All heavy atoms as atom14 arrays in JSON, in Angstrom:
{
  "sequence": "PEGAGPGSGHALKTLEDRPLVGVAEEQFREQVLGILGS",
  "atom14_mask": [
    [1, 1, 1, 1, 1, 1, 1, 0, 0, 0, 0, 0, 0, 0],
    [1, 1, 1, 1, 1, 1, 1, 1, 1, 0, 0, 0, 0, 0],
    [1, 1, 1, 1, 0, 0, 0, 0, 0, 0, 0, 0, 0, 0],
    [1, 1, 1, 1, 1, 0, 0, 0, 0, 0, 0, 0, 0, 0],
    [1, 1, 1, 1, 0, 0, 0, 0, 0, 0, 0, 0, 0, 0],
    [1, 1, 1, 1, 1, 1, 1, 0, 0, 0, 0, 0, 0, 0],
    [1, 1, 1, 1, 0, 0, 0, 0, 0, 0, 0, 0, 0, 0],
    [1, 1, 1, 1, 1, 1, 0, 0, 0, 0, 0, 0, 0, 0],
    [1, 1, 1, 1, 0, 0, 0, 0, 0, 0, 0, 0, 0, 0],
    [1, 1, 1, 1, 1, 1, 1, 1, 1, 1, 0, 0, 0, 0],
    [1, 1, 1, 1, 1, 0, 0, 0, 0, 0, 0, 0, 0, 0],
    [1, 1, 1, 1, 1, 1, 1, 1, 0, 0, 0, 0, 0, 0],
    [1, 1, 1, 1, 1, 1, 1, 1, 1, 0, 0, 0, 0, 0],
    [1, 1, 1, 1, 1, 1, 1, 0, 0, 0, 0, 0, 0, 0],
    [1, 1, 1, 1, 1, 1, 1, 1, 0, 0, 0, 0, 0, 0],
    [1, 1, 1, 1, 1, 1, 1, 1, 1, 0, 0, 0, 0, 0],
    [1, 1, 1, 1, 1, 1, 1, 1, 0, 0, 0, 0, 0, 0],
    [1, 1, 1, 1, 1, 1, 1, 1, 1, 1, 1, 0, 0, 0],
    [1, 1, 1, 1, 1, 1, 1, 0, 0, 0, 0, 0, 0, 0],
    [1, 1, 1, 1, 1, 1, 1, 1, 0, 0, 0, 0, 0, 0],
    [1, 1, 1, 1, 1, 1, 1, 0, 0, 0, 0, 0, 0, 0],
    [1, 1, 1, 1, 0, 0, 0, 0, 0, 0, 0, 0, 0, 0],
    [1, 1, 1, 1, 1, 1, 1, 0, 0, 0, 0, 0, 0, 0],
    [1, 1, 1, 1, 1, 0, 0, 0, 0, 0, 0, 0, 0, 0],
    [1, 1, 1, 1, 1, 1, 1, 1, 1, 0, 0, 0, 0, 0],
    [1, 1, 1, 1, 1, 1, 1, 1, 1, 0, 0, 0, 0, 0],
    [1, 1, 1, 1, 1, 1, 1, 1, 1, 0, 0, 0, 0, 0],
    [1, 1, 1, 1, 1, 1, 1, 1, 1, 1, 1, 0, 0, 0],
    [1, 1, 1, 1, 1, 1, 1, 1, 1, 1, 1, 0, 0, 0],
    [1, 1, 1, 1, 1, 1, 1, 1, 1, 0, 0, 0, 0, 0],
    [1, 1, 1, 1, 1, 1, 1, 1, 1, 0, 0, 0, 0, 0],
    [1, 1, 1, 1, 1, 1, 1, 0, 0, 0, 0, 0, 0, 0],
    [1, 1, 1, 1, 1, 1, 1, 1, 0, 0, 0, 0, 0, 0],
    [1, 1, 1, 1, 0, 0, 0, 0, 0, 0, 0, 0, 0, 0],
    [1, 1, 1, 1, 1, 1, 1, 1, 0, 0, 0, 0, 0, 0],
    [1, 1, 1, 1, 1, 1, 1, 1, 0, 0, 0, 0, 0, 0],
    [1, 1, 1, 1, 0, 0, 0, 0, 0, 0, 0, 0, 0, 0],
    [1, 1, 1, 1, 1, 1, 0, 0, 0, 0, 0, 0, 0, 0]
  ],
  "atom14_positions": [
    [[-0.79, 48.79, 70.06], [-0.28, 49.79, 69.06], [-0.8, 51.15, 69.35], [-1.97, 51.35, 69.76], [-0.78, 49.24, 67.71], [-1.65, 48.06, 68.01], [-1.58, 47.72, 69.47], [0.0, 0.0, 0.0], [0.0, 0.0, 0.0], [0.0, 0.0, 0.0], [0.0, 0.0, 0.0], [0.0, 0.0, 0.0], [0.0, 0.0, 0.0], [0.0, 0.0, 0.0]],
    [[0.05, 52.13, 69.1], [-0.34, 53.55, 69.35], [-1.45, 53.92, 68.41], [-1.42, 53.64, 67.22], [0.91, 54.43, 69.15], [0.66, 55.85, 69.45], [1.91, 56.73, 69.3], [2.89, 56.22, 68.73], [1.87, 57.83, 69.8], [0.0, 0.0, 0.0], [0.0, 0.0, 0.0], [0.0, 0.0, 0.0], [0.0, 0.0, 0.0], [0.0, 0.0, 0.0]],
    [[-2.44, 54.59, 68.97], [-3.55, 55.12, 68.18], [-4.47, 54.05, 67.66], [-5.25, 54.34, 66.75], [0.0, 0.0, 0.0], [0.0, 0.0, 0.0], [0.0, 0.0, 0.0], [0.0, 0.0, 0.0], [0.0, 0.0, 0.0], [0.0, 0.0, 0.0], [0.0, 0.0, 0.0], [0.0, 0.0, 0.0], [0.0, 0.0, 0.0], [0.0, 0.0, 0.0]],
    [[-4.42, 52.85, 68.24], [-5.29, 51.77, 67.69], [-6.77, 52.12, 67.96], [-7.62, 51.76, 67.18], [-4.97, 50.45, 68.39], [0.0, 0.0, 0.0], [0.0, 0.0, 0.0], [0.0, 0.0, 0.0], [0.0, 0.0, 0.0], [0.0, 0.0, 0.0], [0.0, 0.0, 0.0], [0.0, 0.0, 0.0], [0.0, 0.0, 0.0], [0.0, 0.0, 0.0]],
    [[-7.02, 52.75, 69.06], [-8.38, 53.28, 69.34], [-9.34, 52.17, 69.73], [-9.03, 50.98, 69.71], [0.0, 0.0, 0.0], [0.0, 0.0, 0.0], [0.0, 0.0, 0.0], [0.0, 0.0, 0.0], [0.0, 0.0, 0.0], [0.0, 0.0, 0.0], [0.0, 0.0, 0.0], [0.0, 0.0, 0.0], [0.0, 0.0, 0.0], [0.0, 0.0, 0.0]],
    [[-10.53, 52.57, 70.1], [-11.51, 51.64, 70.67], [-12.04, 50.6, 69.69], [-12.46, 49.58, 70.12], [-12.63, 52.52, 71.13], [-12.13, 53.91, 71.09], [-10.96, 53.93, 70.22], [0.0, 0.0, 0.0], [0.0, 0.0, 0.0], [0.0, 0.0, 0.0], [0.0, 0.0, 0.0], [0.0, 0.0, 0.0], [0.0, 0.0, 0.0], [0.0, 0.0, 0.0]],
    [[-12.02, 50.87, 68.39], [-12.69, 49.95, 67.47], [-11.76, 48.9, 66.89], [-12.21, 48.11, 66.1], [0.0, 0.0, 0.0], [0.0, 0.0, 0.0], [0.0, 0.0, 0.0], [0.0, 0.0, 0.0], [0.0, 0.0, 0.0], [0.0, 0.0, 0.0], [0.0, 0.0, 0.0], [0.0, 0.0, 0.0], [0.0, 0.0, 0.0], [0.0, 0.0, 0.0]],
    [[-10.5, 48.89, 67.25], [-9.58, 47.99, 66.55], [-9.49, 46.63, 67.18], [-9.12, 46.5, 68.31], [-8.16, 48.62, 66.53], [-7.7, 48.66, 67.84], [0.0, 0.0, 0.0], [0.0, 0.0, 0.0], [0.0, 0.0, 0.0], [0.0, 0.0, 0.0], [0.0, 0.0, 0.0], [0.0, 0.0, 0.0], [0.0, 0.0, 0.0], [0.0, 0.0, 0.0]],
    [[-9.84, 45.64, 66.38], [-9.6, 44.26, 66.8], [-10.45, 43.71, 67.92], [-10.15, 42.7, 68.47], [0.0, 0.0, 0.0], [0.0, 0.0, 0.0], [0.0, 0.0, 0.0], [0.0, 0.0, 0.0], [0.0, 0.0, 0.0], [0.0, 0.0, 0.0], [0.0, 0.0, 0.0], [0.0, 0.0, 0.0], [0.0, 0.0, 0.0], [0.0, 0.0, 0.0]],
    [[-11.47, 44.42, 68.38], [-12.23, 43.95, 69.48], [-13.44, 43.15, 69.02], [-14.07, 43.47, 68.06], [-12.73, 45.1, 70.37], [-11.57, 45.94, 70.9], [-10.59, 45.43, 71.66], [-11.28, 47.23, 70.7], [-9.73, 46.36, 71.94], [-10.16, 47.47, 71.39], [0.0, 0.0, 0.0], [0.0, 0.0, 0.0], [0.0, 0.0, 0.0], [0.0, 0.0, 0.0]],
    [[-13.69, 42.09, 69.81], [-14.78, 41.2, 69.39], [-16.05, 41.53, 70.19], [-16.85, 40.69, 70.46], [-14.37, 39.78, 69.69], [0.0, 0.0, 0.0], [0.0, 0.0, 0.0], [0.0, 0.0, 0.0], [0.0, 0.0, 0.0], [0.0, 0.0, 0.0], [0.0, 0.0, 0.0], [0.0, 0.0, 0.0], [0.0, 0.0, 0.0], [0.0, 0.0, 0.0]],
    [[-16.18, 42.79, 70.62], [-17.36, 43.21, 71.37], [-18.5, 43.51, 70.43], [-18.3, 44.2, 69.43], [-17.0, 44.41, 72.29], [-15.94, 44.13, 73.32], [-15.66, 45.45, 74.07], [-16.41, 43.08, 74.29], [0.0, 0.0, 0.0], [0.0, 0.0, 0.0], [0.0, 0.0, 0.0], [0.0, 0.0, 0.0], [0.0, 0.0, 0.0], [0.0, 0.0, 0.0]],
    [[-19.66, 43.03, 70.78], [-20.77, 43.26, 69.92], [-21.45, 44.63, 70.15], [-21.95, 45.23, 69.3], [-21.88, 42.19, 70.16], [-21.39, 40.82, 69.62], [-22.5, 39.82, 69.83], [-21.97, 38.44, 69.38], [-22.88, 37.4, 69.7], [0.0, 0.0, 0.0], [0.0, 0.0, 0.0], [0.0, 0.0, 0.0], [0.0, 0.0, 0.0], [0.0, 0.0, 0.0]],
    [[-21.34, 45.09, 71.39], [-22.0, 46.33, 71.74], [-21.03, 47.55, 71.55], [-19.89, 47.43, 72.05], [-22.53, 46.36, 73.14], [-21.51, 46.09, 74.07], [-23.59, 45.24, 73.35], [0.0, 0.0, 0.0], [0.0, 0.0, 0.0], [0.0, 0.0, 0.0], [0.0, 0.0, 0.0], [0.0, 0.0, 0.0], [0.0, 0.0, 0.0], [0.0, 0.0, 0.0]],
    [[-21.48, 48.54, 70.94], [-20.64, 49.68, 70.68], [-20.23, 50.4, 71.96], [-19.14, 50.97, 72.08], [-21.33, 50.7, 69.77], [-21.48, 50.26, 68.31], [-22.28, 51.24, 67.53], [-20.15, 50.05, 67.66], [0.0, 0.0, 0.0], [0.0, 0.0, 0.0], [0.0, 0.0, 0.0], [0.0, 0.0, 0.0], [0.0, 0.0, 0.0], [0.0, 0.0, 0.0]],
    [[-21.09, 50.37, 72.99], [-20.76, 51.07, 74.23], [-19.59, 50.38, 75.0], [-18.93, 51.0, 75.81], [-21.96, 51.21, 75.17], [-22.65, 49.92, 75.57], [-23.73, 49.48, 74.6], [-23.94, 50.07, 73.57], [-24.41, 48.48, 74.96], [0.0, 0.0, 0.0], [0.0, 0.0, 0.0], [0.0, 0.0, 0.0], [0.0, 0.0, 0.0], [0.0, 0.0, 0.0]],
    [[-19.32, 49.13, 74.79], [-18.23, 48.42, 75.42], [-16.85, 48.71, 74.75], [-15.83, 48.67, 75.36], [-18.47, 46.94, 75.41], [-19.53, 46.46, 76.41], [-19.82, 47.27, 77.28], [-20.06, 45.41, 76.21], [0.0, 0.0, 0.0], [0.0, 0.0, 0.0], [0.0, 0.0, 0.0], [0.0, 0.0, 0.0], [0.0, 0.0, 0.0], [0.0, 0.0, 0.0]],
    [[-16.89, 49.05, 73.47], [-15.64, 49.23, 72.71], [-14.77, 50.4, 73.29], [-13.59, 50.3, 73.47], [-15.9, 49.43, 71.25], [-16.34, 48.16, 70.61], [-16.57, 48.32, 69.18], [-17.14, 47.09, 68.64], [-17.45, 46.87, 67.42], [-17.31, 47.84, 66.52], [-17.93, 45.73, 66.98], [0.0, 0.0, 0.0], [0.0, 0.0, 0.0], [0.0, 0.0, 0.0]],
    [[-15.4, 51.57, 73.6], [-14.59, 52.64, 74.15], [-13.95, 52.3, 75.47], [-12.79, 52.71, 75.75], [-15.57, 53.79, 74.28], [-16.69, 53.54, 73.33], [-16.73, 51.99, 73.29], [0.0, 0.0, 0.0], [0.0, 0.0, 0.0], [0.0, 0.0, 0.0], [0.0, 0.0, 0.0], [0.0, 0.0, 0.0], [0.0, 0.0, 0.0], [0.0, 0.0, 0.0]],
    [[-14.55, 51.48, 76.28], [-13.98, 51.11, 77.59], [-12.73, 50.32, 77.36], [-11.71, 50.54, 78.08], [-14.97, 50.3, 78.38], [-16.24, 51.02, 78.84], [-17.21, 50.05, 79.56], [-15.88, 52.17, 79.78], [0.0, 0.0, 0.0], [0.0, 0.0, 0.0], [0.0, 0.0, 0.0], [0.0, 0.0, 0.0], [0.0, 0.0, 0.0], [0.0, 0.0, 0.0]],
    [[-12.75, 49.39, 76.45], [-11.54, 48.6, 76.15], [-10.46, 49.5, 75.56], [-9.28, 49.4, 75.96], [-11.85, 47.39, 75.22], [-10.59, 46.72, 74.78], [-12.81, 46.43, 75.87], [0.0, 0.0, 0.0], [0.0, 0.0, 0.0], [0.0, 0.0, 0.0], [0.0, 0.0, 0.0], [0.0, 0.0, 0.0], [0.0, 0.0, 0.0], [0.0, 0.0, 0.0]],
    [[-10.79, 50.37, 74.66], [-9.84, 51.33, 74.08], [-9.22, 52.22, 75.12], [-8.05, 52.4, 75.1], [0.0, 0.0, 0.0], [0.0, 0.0, 0.0], [0.0, 0.0, 0.0], [0.0, 0.0, 0.0], [0.0, 0.0, 0.0], [0.0, 0.0, 0.0], [0.0, 0.0, 0.0], [0.0, 0.0, 0.0], [0.0, 0.0, 0.0], [0.0, 0.0, 0.0]],
    [[-9.98, 52.72, 76.04], [-9.44, 53.53, 77.09], [-8.54, 52.73, 77.98], [-7.37, 53.2, 78.36], [-10.61, 54.11, 77.93], [-10.1, 54.75, 79.26], [-11.36, 55.18, 77.17], [0.0, 0.0, 0.0], [0.0, 0.0, 0.0], [0.0, 0.0, 0.0], [0.0, 0.0, 0.0], [0.0, 0.0, 0.0], [0.0, 0.0, 0.0], [0.0, 0.0, 0.0]],
    [[-8.87, 51.5, 78.33], [-7.99, 50.67, 79.12], [-6.67, 50.4, 78.43], [-5.6, 50.42, 79.0], [-8.72, 49.37, 79.48], [0.0, 0.0, 0.0], [0.0, 0.0, 0.0], [0.0, 0.0, 0.0], [0.0, 0.0, 0.0], [0.0, 0.0, 0.0], [0.0, 0.0, 0.0], [0.0, 0.0, 0.0], [0.0, 0.0, 0.0], [0.0, 0.0, 0.0]],
    [[-6.75, 50.13, 77.14], [-5.55, 49.92, 76.33], [-4.65, 51.11, 76.31], [-3.42, 51.02, 76.54], [-5.87, 49.5, 74.93], [-6.47, 48.16, 74.73], [-6.92, 47.87, 73.33], [-7.23, 48.81, 72.6], [-6.94, 46.68, 72.97], [0.0, 0.0, 0.0], [0.0, 0.0, 0.0], [0.0, 0.0, 0.0], [0.0, 0.0, 0.0], [0.0, 0.0, 0.0]],
    [[-5.22, 52.27, 76.13], [-4.48, 53.54, 76.07], [-3.8, 53.84, 77.41], [-2.7, 54.28, 77.51], [-5.34, 54.71, 75.57], [-5.7, 54.58, 74.1], [-6.78, 55.59, 73.67], [-6.95, 56.59, 74.4], [-7.41, 55.36, 72.66], [0.0, 0.0, 0.0], [0.0, 0.0, 0.0], [0.0, 0.0, 0.0], [0.0, 0.0, 0.0], [0.0, 0.0, 0.0]],
    [[-4.57, 53.63, 78.47], [-4.04, 53.94, 79.84], [-2.88, 52.99, 80.14], [-1.88, 53.41, 80.7], [-5.12, 53.82, 80.88], [-6.07, 54.94, 80.85], [-7.22, 54.8, 81.86], [-7.46, 53.72, 82.45], [-7.94, 55.92, 82.14], [0.0, 0.0, 0.0], [0.0, 0.0, 0.0], [0.0, 0.0, 0.0], [0.0, 0.0, 0.0], [0.0, 0.0, 0.0]],
    [[-3.04, 51.71, 79.81], [-1.95, 50.77, 80.07], [-0.7, 51.15, 79.26], [0.39, 51.18, 79.82], [-2.39, 49.34, 79.69], [-1.33, 48.31, 80.0], [-1.21, 47.79, 81.26], [-0.5, 47.88, 78.97], [-0.2, 46.85, 81.49], [0.48, 46.9, 79.24], [0.61, 46.42, 80.53], [0.0, 0.0, 0.0], [0.0, 0.0, 0.0], [0.0, 0.0, 0.0]],
    [[-0.91, 51.52, 78.0], [0.24, 51.9, 77.15], [0.93, 53.13, 77.76], [2.13, 53.14, 77.79], [-0.3, 52.15, 75.73], [0.84, 52.57, 74.81], [0.33, 52.8, 73.35], [1.35, 53.35, 72.55], [2.38, 52.69, 72.04], [2.5, 51.39, 72.19], [3.32, 53.31, 71.3], [0.0, 0.0, 0.0], [0.0, 0.0, 0.0], [0.0, 0.0, 0.0]],
    [[0.16, 54.12, 78.1], [0.75, 55.34, 78.68], [1.51, 55.04, 79.97], [2.62, 55.6, 80.21], [-0.33, 56.38, 78.9], [-0.89, 56.96, 77.58], [0.18, 57.53, 76.64], [1.06, 58.26, 77.14], [0.13, 57.28, 75.48], [0.0, 0.0, 0.0], [0.0, 0.0, 0.0], [0.0, 0.0, 0.0], [0.0, 0.0, 0.0], [0.0, 0.0, 0.0]],
    [[0.96, 54.16, 80.81], [1.62, 53.84, 82.06], [2.96, 53.17, 81.8], [3.95, 53.49, 82.48], [0.65, 52.93, 82.88], [1.12, 52.73, 84.29], [0.07, 51.93, 85.09], [-0.82, 51.31, 84.56], [0.25, 51.91, 86.43], [0.0, 0.0, 0.0], [0.0, 0.0, 0.0], [0.0, 0.0, 0.0], [0.0, 0.0, 0.0], [0.0, 0.0, 0.0]],
    [[3.02, 52.18, 80.9], [4.22, 51.51, 80.56], [5.23, 52.45, 79.9], [6.41, 52.43, 80.21], [4.01, 50.25, 79.7], [5.31, 49.65, 79.25], [3.21, 49.25, 80.46], [0.0, 0.0, 0.0], [0.0, 0.0, 0.0], [0.0, 0.0, 0.0], [0.0, 0.0, 0.0], [0.0, 0.0, 0.0], [0.0, 0.0, 0.0], [0.0, 0.0, 0.0]],
    [[4.76, 53.32, 79.01], [5.7, 54.27, 78.37], [6.25, 55.21, 79.39], [7.44, 55.56, 79.28], [4.92, 55.07, 77.3], [4.65, 54.32, 75.98], [3.82, 55.18, 75.06], [5.95, 53.92, 75.3], [0.0, 0.0, 0.0], [0.0, 0.0, 0.0], [0.0, 0.0, 0.0], [0.0, 0.0, 0.0], [0.0, 0.0, 0.0], [0.0, 0.0, 0.0]],
    [[5.5, 55.62, 80.42], [6.01, 56.49, 81.48], [7.12, 55.81, 82.25], [8.13, 56.4, 82.58], [0.0, 0.0, 0.0], [0.0, 0.0, 0.0], [0.0, 0.0, 0.0], [0.0, 0.0, 0.0], [0.0, 0.0, 0.0], [0.0, 0.0, 0.0], [0.0, 0.0, 0.0], [0.0, 0.0, 0.0], [0.0, 0.0, 0.0], [0.0, 0.0, 0.0]],
    [[6.9, 54.49, 82.49], [8.0, 53.73, 83.22], [9.23, 53.63, 82.34], [10.37, 53.78, 82.81], [7.46, 52.32, 83.64], [6.38, 52.49, 84.7], [8.56, 51.43, 84.17], [5.61, 51.23, 84.98], [0.0, 0.0, 0.0], [0.0, 0.0, 0.0], [0.0, 0.0, 0.0], [0.0, 0.0, 0.0], [0.0, 0.0, 0.0], [0.0, 0.0, 0.0]],
    [[9.01, 53.3, 81.06], [10.17, 53.15, 80.18], [10.92, 54.45, 80.0], [12.12, 54.46, 79.91], [9.7, 52.6, 78.79], [9.17, 51.16, 78.77], [8.61, 50.88, 77.38], [10.18, 50.16, 79.16], [0.0, 0.0, 0.0], [0.0, 0.0, 0.0], [0.0, 0.0, 0.0], [0.0, 0.0, 0.0], [0.0, 0.0, 0.0], [0.0, 0.0, 0.0]],
    [[10.19, 55.56, 79.96], [10.81, 56.84, 79.75], [11.57, 57.37, 80.96], [12.65, 57.94, 80.84], [0.0, 0.0, 0.0], [0.0, 0.0, 0.0], [0.0, 0.0, 0.0], [0.0, 0.0, 0.0], [0.0, 0.0, 0.0], [0.0, 0.0, 0.0], [0.0, 0.0, 0.0], [0.0, 0.0, 0.0], [0.0, 0.0, 0.0], [0.0, 0.0, 0.0]],
    [[10.97, 57.16, 82.14], [11.61, 57.78, 83.34], [12.34, 56.72, 84.21], [13.15, 57.11, 85.03], [10.53, 58.42, 84.22], [9.65, 57.43, 84.76], [0.0, 0.0, 0.0], [0.0, 0.0, 0.0], [0.0, 0.0, 0.0], [0.0, 0.0, 0.0], [0.0, 0.0, 0.0], [0.0, 0.0, 0.0], [0.0, 0.0, 0.0], [0.0, 0.0, 0.0]]
  ]
}
């Protein structure tokens, strides 16, 4: 989901791991949206 961010729905205990998952999610979403758009 758009704007879900690093803290949504992740079962990670450490706060430093959450942003990494959020960044990966956002990058994947942007990559697919780019393919769908162009």
